[in-house]
C-alpha atoms as a PDB file:
ATOM      1  CA  UNK A   1     124.072 116.632 120.453  1.00  0.00           C
ATOM      2  CA  UNK A   2     121.830 117.759 123.282  1.00  0.00           C
ATOM      3  CA  UNK A   3     119.415 115.675 125.307  1.00  0.00           C
ATOM      4  CA  UNK A   4     116.398 117.371 123.576  1.00  0.00           C
ATOM      5  CA  UNK A   5     117.686 116.594 119.993  1.00  0.00           C
ATOM      6  CA  UNK A   6     118.515 112.839 120.888  1.00  0.00           C
ATOM      7  CA  UNK A   7     115.077 112.552 122.278  1.00  0.00           C
ATOM      8  CA  UNK A   8     113.629 113.939 119.107  1.00  0.00           C
ATOM      9  CA  UNK A   9     115.643 111.866 116.906  1.00  0.00           C
ATOM     10  CA  UNK A  10     114.522 108.711 118.957  1.00  0.00           C
ATOM     11  CA  UNK A  11     110.870 109.795 118.824  1.00  0.00           C
ATOM     12  CA  UNK A  12     111.368 110.395 115.000  1.00  0.00           C
ATOM     13  CA  UNK A  13     113.069 106.920 114.421  1.00  0.00           C
ATOM     14  CA  UNK A  14     110.274 105.123 116.312  1.00  0.00           C
ATOM     15  CA  UNK A  15     107.663 106.967 114.372  1.00  0.00           C
ATOM     16  CA  UNK A  16     109.151 106.036 111.239  1.00  0.00           C
ATOM     17  CA  UNK A  17     109.709 102.377 112.264  1.00  0.00           C
ATOM     18  CA  UNK A  18     106.002 102.336 113.525  1.00  0.00           C
ATOM     19  CA  UNK A  19     104.862 103.693 110.165  1.00  0.00           C
ATOM     20  CA  UNK A  20     106.892 101.190 108.271  1.00  0.00           C
ATOM     21  CA  UNK A  21     105.479  98.379 110.441  1.00  0.00           C
ATOM     22  CA  UNK A  22     101.911  99.608 109.924  1.00  0.00           C
ATOM     23  CA  UNK A  23     102.645  99.693 106.035  1.00  0.00           C
ATOM     24  CA  UNK A  24     103.924  96.075 106.226  1.00  0.00           C
ATOM     25  CA  UNK A  25     100.670  95.049 108.139  1.00  0.00           C
ATOM     26  CA  UNK A  26      98.421  96.861 105.588  1.00  0.00           C
ATOM     27  CA  UNK A  27     100.328  95.192 102.547  1.00  0.00           C
ATOM     28  CA  UNK A  28      99.922  91.785 104.332  1.00  0.00           C
ATOM     29  CA  UNK A  29      96.263  92.252 104.845  1.00  0.00           C
ATOM     30  CA  UNK A  30      95.447  93.716 101.449  1.00  0.00           C
ATOM     31  CA  UNK A  31      94.764  90.484  99.867  1.00  0.00           C
ATOM     32  CA  UNK A  32      91.249  90.417  98.173  1.00  0.00           C
ATOM     33  CA  UNK A  33      88.504  88.614  99.982  1.00  0.00           C
ATOM     34  CA  UNK A  34      85.194  86.878  98.671  1.00  0.00           C
ATOM     35  CA  UNK A  35      82.179  85.882 100.825  1.00  0.00           C
ATOM     36  CA  UNK A  36      80.332  82.547 100.293  1.00  0.00           C
ATOM     37  CA  UNK A  37      77.152  81.732 101.861  1.00  0.00           C
ATOM     38  CA  UNK A  38      75.447  78.164 101.928  1.00  0.00           C
ATOM     39  CA  UNK A  39      72.421  76.918 103.530  1.00  0.00           C
ATOM     40  CA  UNK A  40      73.183  74.845 106.488  1.00  0.00           C
ATOM     41  CA  UNK A  41      71.586  73.183 109.764  1.00  0.00           C
ATOM     42  CA  UNK A  42      74.025  72.707 112.580  1.00  0.00           C
ATOM     43  CA  UNK A  43      71.336  70.730 114.586  1.00  0.00           C
ATOM     44  CA  UNK A  44      71.436  68.013 111.923  1.00  0.00           C
ATOM     45  CA  UNK A  45      75.200  67.108 112.527  1.00  0.00           C
ATOM     46  CA  UNK A  46      76.364  68.130 108.881  1.00  0.00           C
ATOM     47  CA  UNK A  47      79.173  70.640 108.474  1.00  0.00           C
ATOM     48  CA  UNK A  48      80.552  72.333 105.368  1.00  0.00           C
ATOM     49  CA  UNK A  49      84.113  71.546 104.683  1.00  0.00           C
ATOM     50  CA  UNK A  50      86.061  73.487 101.984  1.00  0.00           C
ATOM     51  CA  UNK A  51      88.784  72.352  99.682  1.00  0.00           C
ATOM     52  CA  UNK A  52      90.891  74.394  97.285  1.00  0.00           C
ATOM     53  CA  UNK A  53      92.897  73.919  94.101  1.00  0.00           C
ATOM     54  CA  UNK A  54      95.620  74.993  93.677  1.00  0.00           C
ATOM     55  CA  UNK A  55      96.132  74.318  97.354  1.00  0.00           C
ATOM     56  CA  UNK A  56      96.981  77.547  99.114  1.00  0.00           C
ATOM     57  CA  UNK A  57      95.430  79.877  96.497  1.00  0.00           C
ATOM     58  CA  UNK A  58      92.579  80.754  98.818  1.00  0.00           C
ATOM     59  CA  UNK A  59      92.664  80.545 102.583  1.00  0.00           C
ATOM     60  CA  UNK A  60      89.667  80.624 104.927  1.00  0.00           C
ATOM     61  CA  UNK A  61      89.775  83.903 107.197  1.00  0.00           C
ATOM     62  CA  UNK A  62      86.328  83.679 108.878  1.00  0.00           C
ATOM     63  CA  UNK A  63      83.407  81.377 109.232  1.00  0.00           C
ATOM     64  CA  UNK A  64      80.275  81.875 111.002  1.00  0.00           C
ATOM     65  CA  UNK A  65      76.660  80.444 111.274  1.00  0.00           C
ATOM     66  CA  UNK A  66      73.707  82.470 111.597  1.00  0.00           C
ATOM     67  CA  UNK A  67      69.988  80.775 112.242  1.00  0.00           C
ATOM     68  CA  UNK A  68      67.508  82.040 109.851  1.00  0.00           C
ATOM     69  CA  UNK A  69      65.043  82.366 112.856  1.00  0.00           C
ATOM     70  CA  UNK A  70      66.751  83.296 116.232  1.00  0.00           C
ATOM     71  CA  UNK A  71      63.523  81.625 117.963  1.00  0.00           C
ATOM     72  CA  UNK A  72      64.403  78.370 116.319  1.00  0.00           C
ATOM     73  CA  UNK A  73      68.040  77.728 116.022  1.00  0.00           C
ATOM     74  CA  UNK A  74      67.402  74.194 114.924  1.00  0.00           C
ATOM     75  CA  UNK A  75      65.433  75.139 111.970  1.00  0.00           C
ATOM     76  CA  UNK A  76      68.343  75.846 109.637  1.00  0.00           C
ATOM     77  CA  UNK A  77      70.434  78.986 108.672  1.00  0.00           C
ATOM     78  CA  UNK A  78      73.241  80.211 106.723  1.00  0.00           C
ATOM     79  CA  UNK A  79      76.946  79.146 106.923  1.00  0.00           C
ATOM     80  CA  UNK A  80      79.202  82.180 105.840  1.00  0.00           C
ATOM     81  CA  UNK A  81      82.749  81.615 104.648  1.00  0.00           C
ATOM     82  CA  UNK A  82      85.166  84.595 104.142  1.00  0.00           C
ATOM     83  CA  UNK A  83      87.936  83.399 101.704  1.00  0.00           C
ATOM     84  CA  UNK A  84      91.049  85.353 100.972  1.00  0.00           C
ATOM     85  CA  UNK A  85      92.874  84.987  97.756  1.00  0.00           C
ATOM     86  CA  UNK A  86      96.566  84.394  98.054  1.00  0.00           C
ATOM     87  CA  UNK A  87      97.607  84.075  94.399  1.00  0.00           C
ATOM     88  CA  UNK A  88      96.695  85.365  90.927  1.00  0.00           C
ATOM     89  CA  UNK A  89      94.741  83.419  88.451  1.00  0.00           C
ATOM     90  CA  UNK A  90      91.891  80.834  88.404  1.00  0.00           C
ATOM     91  CA  UNK A  91      91.240  78.600  91.636  1.00  0.00           C
ATOM     92  CA  UNK A  92      88.601  75.966  92.349  1.00  0.00           C
ATOM     93  CA  UNK A  93      87.095  76.339  95.740  1.00  0.00           C
ATOM     94  CA  UNK A  94      84.806  73.358  96.654  1.00  0.00           C
ATOM     95  CA  UNK A  95      82.322  72.754  99.520  1.00  0.00           C
ATOM     96  CA  UNK A  96      80.952  69.520 100.819  1.00  0.00           C
ATOM     97  CA  UNK A  97      78.246  69.118 103.388  1.00  0.00           C
ATOM     98  CA  UNK A  98      79.520  66.121 105.362  1.00  0.00           C
ATOM     99  CA  UNK A  99      77.620  64.084 107.687  1.00  0.00           C
ATOM    100  CA  UNK A 100      79.216  64.015 111.077  1.00  0.00           C
ATOM    101  CA  UNK A 101      78.159  60.601 112.097  1.00  0.00           C
ATOM    102  CA  UNK A 102      79.177  58.500 108.929  1.00  0.00           C
ATOM    103  CA  UNK A 103      81.199  60.928 106.776  1.00  0.00           C
ATOM    104  CA  UNK A 104      78.775  60.605 103.862  1.00  0.00           C
ATOM    105  CA  UNK A 105      78.449  63.936 101.586  1.00  0.00           C
ATOM    106  CA  UNK A 106      74.820  65.369 101.541  1.00  0.00           C
ATOM    107  CA  UNK A 107      75.327  68.478  99.244  1.00  0.00           C
ATOM    108  CA  UNK A 108      78.248  70.061  97.316  1.00  0.00           C
ATOM    109  CA  UNK A 109      79.183  73.580  95.783  1.00  0.00           C
ATOM    110  CA  UNK A 110      82.088  74.430  93.681  1.00  0.00           C
ATOM    111  CA  UNK A 111      83.211  77.892  92.696  1.00  0.00           C
ATOM    112  CA  UNK A 112      85.640  78.871  90.085  1.00  0.00           C
ATOM    113  CA  UNK A 113      87.118  82.310  91.170  1.00  0.00           C
ATOM    114  CA  UNK A 114      89.736  84.374  89.190  1.00  0.00           C
ATOM    115  CA  UNK A 115      91.945  86.687  91.017  1.00  0.00           C
ATOM    116  CA  UNK A 116      93.222  89.541  88.828  1.00  0.00           C
ATOM    117  CA  UNK A 117      95.039  92.154  90.859  1.00  0.00           C
ATOM    118  CA  UNK A 118      92.735  93.186  93.841  1.00  0.00           C
ATOM    119  CA  UNK A 119      89.555  91.832  92.013  1.00  0.00           C
ATOM    120  CA  UNK A 120      88.053  88.436  92.505  1.00  0.00           C
ATOM    121  CA  UNK A 121      85.491  87.203  89.716  1.00  0.00           C
ATOM    122  CA  UNK A 122      83.331  84.215  90.149  1.00  0.00           C
ATOM    123  CA  UNK A 123      83.963  82.513  86.659  1.00  0.00           C
ATOM    124  CA  UNK A 124      81.459  79.688  87.269  1.00  0.00           C
ATOM    125  CA  UNK A 125      79.343  77.874  90.074  1.00  0.00           C
ATOM    126  CA  UNK A 126      77.980  74.471  90.409  1.00  0.00           C
ATOM    127  CA  UNK A 127      75.900  73.120  93.198  1.00  0.00           C
ATOM    128  CA  UNK A 128      74.011  70.196  94.260  1.00  0.00           C
ATOM    129  CA  UNK A 129      71.905  71.140  97.365  1.00  0.00           C
ATOM    130  CA  UNK A 130      69.871  68.414  98.883  1.00  0.00           C
ATOM    131  CA  UNK A 131      66.141  68.931  99.411  1.00  0.00           C
ATOM    132  CA  UNK A 132      66.597  68.250 103.251  1.00  0.00           C
ATOM    133  CA  UNK A 133      69.189  71.072 103.467  1.00  0.00           C
ATOM    134  CA  UNK A 134      66.920  73.643 101.794  1.00  0.00           C
ATOM    135  CA  UNK A 135      63.582  72.395 103.511  1.00  0.00           C
ATOM    136  CA  UNK A 136      63.797  74.856 106.349  1.00  0.00           C
ATOM    137  CA  UNK A 137      63.869  77.800 103.788  1.00  0.00           C
ATOM    138  CA  UNK A 138      61.167  76.485 101.679  1.00  0.00           C
ATOM    139  CA  UNK A 139      59.086  76.060 104.765  1.00  0.00           C
ATOM    140  CA  UNK A 140      59.457  79.633 105.730  1.00  0.00           C
ATOM    141  CA  UNK A 141      58.086  80.842 102.396  1.00  0.00           C
ATOM    142  CA  UNK A 142      54.969  82.847 102.545  1.00  0.00           C
ATOM    143  CA  UNK A 143      52.049  80.953 100.497  1.00  0.00           C
ATOM    144  CA  UNK A 144      51.490  82.535  97.153  1.00  0.00           C
ATOM    145  CA  UNK A 145      48.144  84.193  96.531  1.00  0.00           C
ATOM    146  CA  UNK A 146      45.664  82.520  94.120  1.00  0.00           C
ATOM    147  CA  UNK A 147      44.644  85.733  92.527  1.00  0.00           C
END
């Protein structure tokens, strides 16, 4: 076999290996995701923590905080969790807003998600969010007309 054909064979083999590697990476990242947003105020020292049953059925792939008002970052905002399903069936994803000083729980939210193939359905939600955590959002509401 000449040098040109060997080089072509090597390039072809590398291209096929690269395509297979890309396919493997795509398959690995094709788990379905769901986004959960919760009221938050990082200035208070409280933090949302997440737990999952059965363990490992969902993993957190991203979290981010955005203040409601960029001019007042201490006035409250939204904590966003991006969760990825790692198994089929029903899972319970629970969040607790925990005080960083004493570990007490201020608020809770629990979601029941059902994963079927590449689809995630919310089968039920319960939440107990404190007035203190919701206060920055209520304060920002426009007054209602008396008309």
